[in-house]
Amino acid sequence: MLLTTVLVTILVVIGIAAVVAVPLMIRSTRRQVVEDVPTGGRRPIMGSPAQVWVSRGERVLRELGTTLGENAALHGISTDATEVVAELRLTAGQVAELDHALAGIPVPSLEDEREALSTALAEAAGRPAAADLARSRDAVSARIAAAERQRDARDALLAKMQATVTEFEQARDELAELIAGTATPMTTNDDAAAQLTSRLDALREGLVEVRQAANPEIRPSGQG
């Protein structure tokens, strides 16, 4: 009798543990899909433009989850929206890397140094020091040019993030209209959902393209 009671108690404990563990496993899997970032990757500084755009995108994703609810026919939209936010995070990480690189290039002081070298080079014309002064000036100029390229790449990434998030918010509003039945009449809900899915995929691809342009070493989407 005692052995039976013990076995029943163990089975009850295992059952309770399983019930508790399943939701945790589901949440963990979802978190991994949405929050995966390259190991050791930089994150944008709190309050920076990149962090703000990611935060707005994450809010849209949460709101979409609430809006979709149990509407199984539209769950494909949720998957695409999750991928958009994942790309936003990756893009923000690349912006953070560029900001870090730019912080190591003191452009104003380099410009002063280049001006001083140009003056010294003009004064040393025809003298042995001229060659080395020219090399120094060229090296300083190259650093300034590198900073300009990185700044342009960062600004392009931020502009793409802004466009993506604002259109993402637009898609959220249109989905709310669709579910509420107040949207402009369309052929079917399936067609409307397909259009939204296509637009979300285009937003994701746009982020991938601009990241590839800023860093050619990034592999095409779907290849890691």
C-alpha atoms as a PDB file:
ATOM      1  CA  MET A   1       0.000   0.000   0.000  1.00  0.00           C
ATOM      2  CA  LEU A   2       2.799   2.390   0.932  1.00  0.00           C
ATOM      3  CA  LEU A   3       4.644   1.572  -2.286  1.00  0.00           C
ATOM      4  CA  THR A   4       1.516   2.287  -4.343  1.00  0.00           C
ATOM      5  CA  THR A   5       1.043   5.645  -2.618  1.00  0.00           C
ATOM      6  CA  VAL A   6       4.670   6.599  -3.299  1.00  0.00           C
ATOM      7  CA  LEU A   7       4.387   5.643  -6.973  1.00  0.00           C
ATOM      8  CA  VAL A   8       1.180   7.637  -7.382  1.00  0.00           C
ATOM      9  CA  THR A   9       2.813  10.651  -5.750  1.00  0.00           C
ATOM     10  CA  ILE A  10       5.830  10.414  -8.073  1.00  0.00           C
ATOM     11  CA  LEU A  11       3.597  10.172 -11.139  1.00  0.00           C
ATOM     12  CA  VAL A  12       1.605  13.228 -10.031  1.00  0.00           C
ATOM     13  CA  VAL A  13       4.803  15.231  -9.494  1.00  0.00           C
ATOM     14  CA  ILE A  14       6.114  14.215 -12.942  1.00  0.00           C
ATOM     15  CA  GLY A  15       2.797  15.171 -14.521  1.00  0.00           C
ATOM     16  CA  ILE A  16       2.794  18.607 -12.891  1.00  0.00           C
ATOM     17  CA  ALA A  17       6.410  19.167 -13.940  1.00  0.00           C
ATOM     18  CA  ALA A  18       5.552  18.291 -17.535  1.00  0.00           C
ATOM     19  CA  VAL A  19       2.603  20.696 -17.578  1.00  0.00           C
ATOM     20  CA  VAL A  20       4.814  23.502 -16.261  1.00  0.00           C
ATOM     21  CA  ALA A  21       7.728  22.680 -18.566  1.00  0.00           C
ATOM     22  CA  VAL A  22       5.813  22.710 -21.871  1.00  0.00           C
ATOM     23  CA  PRO A  23       4.890  26.434 -21.801  1.00  0.00           C
ATOM     24  CA  LEU A  24       8.431  27.270 -20.717  1.00  0.00           C
ATOM     25  CA  MET A  25       9.849  25.272 -23.629  1.00  0.00           C
ATOM     26  CA  ILE A  26       7.516  27.019 -26.057  1.00  0.00           C
ATOM     27  CA  ARG A  27       8.501  30.457 -24.741  1.00  0.00           C
ATOM     28  CA  SER A  28      12.179  29.511 -24.878  1.00  0.00           C
ATOM     29  CA  THR A  29      11.865  28.402 -28.510  1.00  0.00           C
ATOM     30  CA  ARG A  30      10.073  31.590 -29.485  1.00  0.00           C
ATOM     31  CA  ARG A  31      12.673  33.674 -27.700  1.00  0.00           C
ATOM     32  CA  GLN A  32      15.459  31.862 -29.545  1.00  0.00           C
ATOM     33  CA  VAL A  33      13.816  32.523 -32.921  1.00  0.00           C
ATOM     34  CA  VAL A  34      13.313  36.219 -32.229  1.00  0.00           C
ATOM     35  CA  GLU A  35      16.366  37.095 -30.172  1.00  0.00           C
ATOM     36  CA  ASP A  36      19.174  35.109 -31.809  1.00  0.00           C
ATOM     37  CA  VAL A  37      22.087  37.435 -32.508  1.00  0.00           C
ATOM     38  CA  PRO A  38      25.651  36.673 -33.583  1.00  0.00           C
ATOM     39  CA  THR A  39      27.782  35.537 -30.646  1.00  0.00           C
ATOM     40  CA  GLY A  40      29.781  38.474 -29.368  1.00  0.00           C
ATOM     41  CA  GLY A  41      27.870  40.908 -31.566  1.00  0.00           C
ATOM     42  CA  ARG A  42      27.500  44.471 -30.387  1.00  0.00           C
ATOM     43  CA  ARG A  43      24.159  45.820 -29.282  1.00  0.00           C
ATOM     44  CA  PRO A  44      23.074  49.416 -29.895  1.00  0.00           C
ATOM     45  CA  ILE A  45      23.349  51.862 -27.025  1.00  0.00           C
ATOM     46  CA  MET A  46      20.078  52.491 -25.175  1.00  0.00           C
ATOM     47  CA  GLY A  47      18.406  55.565 -26.598  1.00  0.00           C
ATOM     48  CA  SER A  48      20.388  55.471 -29.841  1.00  0.00           C
ATOM     49  CA  PRO A  49      18.420  55.655 -33.124  1.00  0.00           C
ATOM     50  CA  ALA A  50      19.080  51.974 -33.894  1.00  0.00           C
ATOM     51  CA  GLN A  51      17.853  50.886 -30.456  1.00  0.00           C
ATOM     52  CA  VAL A  52      14.733  53.039 -30.805  1.00  0.00           C
ATOM     53  CA  TRP A  53      13.828  51.489 -34.166  1.00  0.00           C
ATOM     54  CA  VAL A  54      14.323  47.975 -32.811  1.00  0.00           C
ATOM     55  CA  SER A  55      12.174  48.809 -29.797  1.00  0.00           C
ATOM     56  CA  ARG A  56       9.370  50.099 -32.019  1.00  0.00           C
ATOM     57  CA  GLY A  57       9.611  47.012 -34.203  1.00  0.00           C
ATOM     58  CA  GLU A  58       9.419  44.733 -31.159  1.00  0.00           C
ATOM     59  CA  ARG A  59       6.347  46.597 -29.962  1.00  0.00           C
ATOM     60  CA  VAL A  60       4.659  46.056 -33.334  1.00  0.00           C
ATOM     61  CA  LEU A  61       5.480  42.342 -33.116  1.00  0.00           C
ATOM     62  CA  ARG A  62       3.882  42.097 -29.665  1.00  0.00           C
ATOM     63  CA  GLU A  63       0.810  43.977 -30.834  1.00  0.00           C
ATOM     64  CA  LEU A  64       0.506  41.759 -33.894  1.00  0.00           C
ATOM     65  CA  GLY A  65       0.563  38.717 -31.634  1.00  0.00           C
ATOM     66  CA  THR A  66      -2.310  40.162 -29.623  1.00  0.00           C
ATOM     67  CA  THR A  67      -4.251  41.167 -32.731  1.00  0.00           C
ATOM     68  CA  LEU A  68      -3.852  37.779 -34.406  1.00  0.00           C
ATOM     69  CA  GLY A  69      -4.978  35.918 -31.326  1.00  0.00           C
ATOM     70  CA  GLU A  70      -6.338  32.522 -32.265  1.00  0.00           C
ATOM     71  CA  ASN A  71      -6.804  33.367 -35.950  1.00  0.00           C
ATOM     72  CA  ALA A  72      -4.910  30.372 -37.321  1.00  0.00           C
ATOM     73  CA  ALA A  73      -5.464  31.450 -40.922  1.00  0.00           C
ATOM     74  CA  LEU A  74      -3.224  34.470 -40.369  1.00  0.00           C
ATOM     75  CA  HIS A  75      -0.414  32.865 -38.360  1.00  0.00           C
ATOM     76  CA  GLY A  76       1.886  33.006 -41.375  1.00  0.00           C
ATOM     77  CA  ILE A  77       1.900  36.765 -40.929  1.00  0.00           C
ATOM     78  CA  SER A  78       3.199  36.321 -37.386  1.00  0.00           C
ATOM     79  CA  THR A  79       6.116  34.231 -38.666  1.00  0.00           C
ATOM     80  CA  ASP A  80       7.055  36.828 -41.273  1.00  0.00           C
ATOM     81  CA  ALA A  81       6.745  39.615 -38.702  1.00  0.00           C
ATOM     82  CA  THR A  82       9.095  37.723 -36.387  1.00  0.00           C
ATOM     83  CA  GLU A  83      11.661  37.501 -39.180  1.00  0.00           C
ATOM     84  CA  VAL A  84      11.375  41.230 -39.835  1.00  0.00           C
ATOM     85  CA  VAL A  85      12.196  41.974 -36.191  1.00  0.00           C
ATOM     86  CA  ALA A  86      15.081  39.495 -36.269  1.00  0.00           C
ATOM     87  CA  GLU A  87      16.533  41.377 -39.255  1.00  0.00           C
ATOM     88  CA  LEU A  88      16.010  44.686 -37.454  1.00  0.00           C
ATOM     89  CA  ARG A  89      18.100  43.377 -34.565  1.00  0.00           C
ATOM     90  CA  LEU A  90      20.853  42.212 -36.895  1.00  0.00           C
ATOM     91  CA  THR A  91      20.838  45.583 -38.650  1.00  0.00           C
ATOM     92  CA  ALA A  92      21.002  47.393 -35.323  1.00  0.00           C
ATOM     93  CA  GLY A  93      23.998  45.249 -34.413  1.00  0.00           C
ATOM     94  CA  GLN A  94      25.733  46.287 -37.598  1.00  0.00           C
ATOM     95  CA  VAL A  95      24.984  49.938 -36.834  1.00  0.00           C
ATOM     96  CA  ALA A  96      26.530  49.417 -33.386  1.00  0.00           C
ATOM     97  CA  GLU A  97      29.657  47.945 -34.997  1.00  0.00           C
ATOM     98  CA  LEU A  98      29.962  50.950 -37.308  1.00  0.00           C
ATOM     99  CA  ASP A  99      29.454  53.368 -34.410  1.00  0.00           C
ATOM    100  CA  HIS A 100      32.203  51.586 -32.501  1.00  0.00           C
ATOM    101  CA  ALA A 101      34.556  51.815 -35.486  1.00  0.00           C
ATOM    102  CA  LEU A 102      33.743  55.490 -36.003  1.00  0.00           C
ATOM    103  CA  ALA A 103      34.454  56.220 -32.347  1.00  0.00           C
ATOM    104  CA  GLY A 104      38.032  55.081 -32.969  1.00  0.00           C
ATOM    105  CA  ILE A 105      38.609  57.572 -35.785  1.00  0.00           C
ATOM    106  CA  PRO A 106      38.975  61.125 -34.376  1.00  0.00           C
ATOM    107  CA  VAL A 107      37.994  62.904 -37.593  1.00  0.00           C
ATOM    108  CA  PRO A 108      38.267  66.535 -36.367  1.00  0.00           C
ATOM    109  CA  SER A 109      41.816  66.063 -35.060  1.00  0.00           C
ATOM    110  CA  LEU A 110      42.752  64.092 -38.168  1.00  0.00           C
ATOM    111  CA  GLU A 111      41.557  66.959 -40.352  1.00  0.00           C
ATOM    112  CA  ASP A 112      43.730  69.360 -38.345  1.00  0.00           C
ATOM    113  CA  GLU A 113      46.642  66.953 -38.710  1.00  0.00           C
ATOM    114  CA  ARG A 114      46.121  66.681 -42.455  1.00  0.00           C
ATOM    115  CA  GLU A 115      46.093  70.455 -42.812  1.00  0.00           C
ATOM    116  CA  ALA A 116      49.320  70.737 -40.816  1.00  0.00           C
ATOM    117  CA  LEU A 117      50.940  68.019 -42.922  1.00  0.00           C
ATOM    118  CA  SER A 118      49.894  69.743 -46.122  1.00  0.00           C
ATOM    119  CA  THR A 119      51.503  72.959 -44.900  1.00  0.00           C
ATOM    120  CA  ALA A 120      54.676  71.134 -43.868  1.00  0.00           C
ATOM    121  CA  LEU A 121      54.780  69.301 -47.190  1.00  0.00           C
ATOM    122  CA  ALA A 122      54.548  72.539 -49.121  1.00  0.00           C
ATOM    123  CA  GLU A 123      57.410  73.978 -47.083  1.00  0.00           C
ATOM    124  CA  ALA A 124      59.523  70.834 -47.567  1.00  0.00           C
ATOM    125  CA  ALA A 125      59.158  70.727 -51.337  1.00  0.00           C
ATOM    126  CA  GLY A 126      62.330  69.323 -52.917  1.00  0.00           C
ATOM    127  CA  ARG A 127      63.805  68.284 -49.557  1.00  0.00           C
ATOM    128  CA  PRO A 128      64.359  64.707 -48.245  1.00  0.00           C
ATOM    129  CA  ALA A 129      61.498  64.964 -45.714  1.00  0.00           C
ATOM    130  CA  ALA A 130      58.929  65.617 -48.450  1.00  0.00           C
ATOM    131  CA  ALA A 131      58.381  61.926 -49.310  1.00  0.00           C
ATOM    132  CA  ASP A 132      57.667  60.891 -45.738  1.00  0.00           C
ATOM    133  CA  LEU A 133      55.441  63.906 -45.146  1.00  0.00           C
ATOM    134  CA  ALA A 134      53.448  62.957 -48.250  1.00  0.00           C
ATOM    135  CA  ARG A 135      53.062  59.392 -46.973  1.00  0.00           C
ATOM    136  CA  SER A 136      51.839  60.651 -43.614  1.00  0.00           C
ATOM    137  CA  ARG A 137      49.325  63.000 -45.222  1.00  0.00           C
ATOM    138  CA  ASP A 138      48.018  60.190 -47.468  1.00  0.00           C
ATOM    139  CA  ALA A 139      47.601  57.862 -44.494  1.00  0.00           C
ATOM    140  CA  VAL A 140      45.664  60.487 -42.551  1.00  0.00           C
ATOM    141  CA  SER A 141      43.498  61.217 -45.593  1.00  0.00           C
ATOM    142  CA  ALA A 142      42.758  57.497 -45.970  1.00  0.00           C
ATOM    143  CA  ARG A 143      41.543  57.311 -42.352  1.00  0.00           C
ATOM    144  CA  ILE A 144      39.257  60.279 -42.891  1.00  0.00           C
ATOM    145  CA  ALA A 145      37.889  58.693 -46.070  1.00  0.00           C
ATOM    146  CA  ALA A 146      37.271  55.422 -44.206  1.00  0.00           C
ATOM    147  CA  ALA A 147      35.298  57.288 -41.568  1.00  0.00           C
ATOM    148  CA  GLU A 148      33.185  58.937 -44.256  1.00  0.00           C
ATOM    149  CA  ARG A 149      32.392  55.573 -45.850  1.00  0.00           C
ATOM    150  CA  GLN A 150      31.451  54.067 -42.508  1.00  0.00           C
ATOM    151  CA  ARG A 151      29.288  57.066 -41.650  1.00  0.00           C
ATOM    152  CA  ASP A 152      27.474  56.797 -44.989  1.00  0.00           C
ATOM    153  CA  ALA A 153      26.925  53.056 -44.447  1.00  0.00           C
ATOM    154  CA  ARG A 154      25.563  53.645 -40.947  1.00  0.00           C
ATOM    155  CA  ASP A 155      23.210  56.380 -42.145  1.00  0.00           C
ATOM    156  CA  ALA A 156      21.914  54.102 -44.923  1.00  0.00           C
ATOM    157  CA  LEU A 157      21.227  51.345 -42.403  1.00  0.00           C
ATOM    158  CA  LEU A 158      19.381  53.718 -40.077  1.00  0.00           C
ATOM    159  CA  ALA A 159      17.299  55.088 -42.942  1.00  0.00           C
ATOM    160  CA  LYS A 160      16.335  51.558 -43.961  1.00  0.00           C
ATOM    161  CA  MET A 161      15.452  50.691 -40.366  1.00  0.00           C
ATOM    162  CA  GLN A 162      13.219  53.755 -40.143  1.00  0.00           C
ATOM    163  CA  ALA A 163      11.441  52.952 -43.407  1.00  0.00           C
ATOM    164  CA  THR A 164      11.014  49.329 -42.356  1.00  0.00           C
ATOM    165  CA  VAL A 165       9.547  50.133 -38.956  1.00  0.00           C
ATOM    166  CA  THR A 166       7.132  52.773 -40.219  1.00  0.00           C
ATOM    167  CA  GLU A 167       5.861  50.411 -42.923  1.00  0.00           C
ATOM    168  CA  PHE A 168       5.745  47.614 -40.349  1.00  0.00           C
ATOM    169  CA  GLU A 169       3.478  49.797 -38.223  1.00  0.00           C
ATOM    170  CA  GLN A 170       1.336  50.459 -41.272  1.00  0.00           C
ATOM    171  CA  ALA A 171       0.987  46.709 -41.864  1.00  0.00           C
ATOM    172  CA  ARG A 172      -0.052  46.231 -38.230  1.00  0.00           C
ATOM    173  CA  ASP A 173      -2.820  48.809 -38.617  1.00  0.00           C
ATOM    174  CA  GLU A 174      -4.024  47.265 -41.863  1.00  0.00           C
ATOM    175  CA  LEU A 175      -4.129  43.837 -40.252  1.00  0.00           C
ATOM    176  CA  ALA A 176      -6.236  45.231 -37.408  1.00  0.00           C
ATOM    177  CA  GLU A 177      -8.638  46.628 -40.010  1.00  0.00           C
ATOM    178  CA  LEU A 178      -8.746  43.304 -41.798  1.00  0.00           C
ATOM    179  CA  ILE A 179      -9.588  41.343 -38.666  1.00  0.00           C
ATOM    180  CA  ALA A 180     -12.162  43.925 -37.578  1.00  0.00           C
ATOM    181  CA  GLY A 181     -13.805  43.714 -40.996  1.00  0.00           C
ATOM    182  CA  THR A 182     -13.547  47.457 -41.602  1.00  0.00           C
ATOM    183  CA  ALA A 183     -10.901  47.360 -44.319  1.00  0.00           C
ATOM    184  CA  THR A 184     -11.554  48.377 -47.910  1.00  0.00           C
ATOM    185  CA  PRO A 185     -13.357  45.409 -49.530  1.00  0.00           C
ATOM    186  CA  MET A 186     -10.950  42.871 -51.020  1.00  0.00           C
ATOM    187  CA  THR A 187     -11.525  39.562 -52.754  1.00  0.00           C
ATOM    188  CA  THR A 188     -10.923  37.378 -49.688  1.00  0.00           C
ATOM    189  CA  ASN A 189      -9.199  37.505 -46.338  1.00  0.00           C
ATOM    190  CA  ASP A 190      -6.714  35.002 -47.710  1.00  0.00           C
ATOM    191  CA  ASP A 191      -5.772  37.417 -50.496  1.00  0.00           C
ATOM    192  CA  ALA A 192      -5.378  40.266 -48.015  1.00  0.00           C
ATOM    193  CA  ALA A 193      -3.233  38.104 -45.748  1.00  0.00           C
ATOM    194  CA  ALA A 194      -1.110  37.049 -48.715  1.00  0.00           C
ATOM    195  CA  GLN A 195      -0.535  40.694 -49.629  1.00  0.00           C
ATOM    196  CA  LEU A 196       0.539  41.534 -46.089  1.00  0.00           C
ATOM    197  CA  THR A 197       2.832  38.508 -45.981  1.00  0.00           C
ATOM    198  CA  SER A 198       4.411  39.572 -49.268  1.00  0.00           C
ATOM    199  CA  ARG A 199       4.997  43.079 -47.957  1.00  0.00           C
ATOM    200  CA  LEU A 200       6.560  41.819 -44.727  1.00  0.00           C
ATOM    201  CA  ASP A 201       8.862  39.571 -46.731  1.00  0.00           C
ATOM    202  CA  ALA A 202       9.837  42.565 -48.868  1.00  0.00           C
ATOM    203  CA  LEU A 203      10.653  44.555 -45.719  1.00  0.00           C
ATOM    204  CA  ARG A 204      12.871  41.751 -44.471  1.00  0.00           C
ATOM    205  CA  GLU A 205      14.638  41.411 -47.810  1.00  0.00           C
ATOM    206  CA  GLY A 206      15.185  45.162 -47.916  1.00  0.00           C
ATOM    207  CA  LEU A 207      17.016  45.004 -44.596  1.00  0.00           C
ATOM    208  CA  VAL A 208      19.134  42.093 -45.801  1.00  0.00           C
ATOM    209  CA  GLU A 209      20.079  43.963 -48.971  1.00  0.00           C
ATOM    210  CA  VAL A 210      21.136  47.139 -47.206  1.00  0.00           C
ATOM    211  CA  ARG A 211      23.169  45.133 -44.684  1.00  0.00           C
ATOM    212  CA  GLN A 212      24.891  43.323 -47.527  1.00  0.00           C
ATOM    213  CA  ALA A 213      25.648  46.650 -49.189  1.00  0.00           C
ATOM    214  CA  ALA A 214      27.179  47.945 -45.960  1.00  0.00           C
ATOM    215  CA  ASN A 215      29.126  44.715 -45.432  1.00  0.00           C
ATOM    216  CA  PRO A 216      29.685  42.546 -48.539  1.00  0.00           C
ATOM    217  CA  GLU A 217      30.843  39.652 -46.320  1.00  0.00           C
ATOM    218  CA  ILE A 218      27.247  39.085 -45.146  1.00  0.00           C
ATOM    219  CA  ARG A 219      25.880  35.999 -46.829  1.00  0.00           C
ATOM    220  CA  PRO A 220      22.484  36.071 -48.609  1.00  0.00           C
ATOM    221  CA  SER A 221      19.356  35.516 -46.515  1.00  0.00           C
ATOM    222  CA  GLY A 222      18.723  31.900 -45.717  1.00  0.00           C
ATOM    223  CA  GLN A 223      22.425  30.976 -45.729  1.00  0.00           C
ATOM    224  CA  GLY A 224      23.122  32.046 -42.155  1.00  0.00           C
END
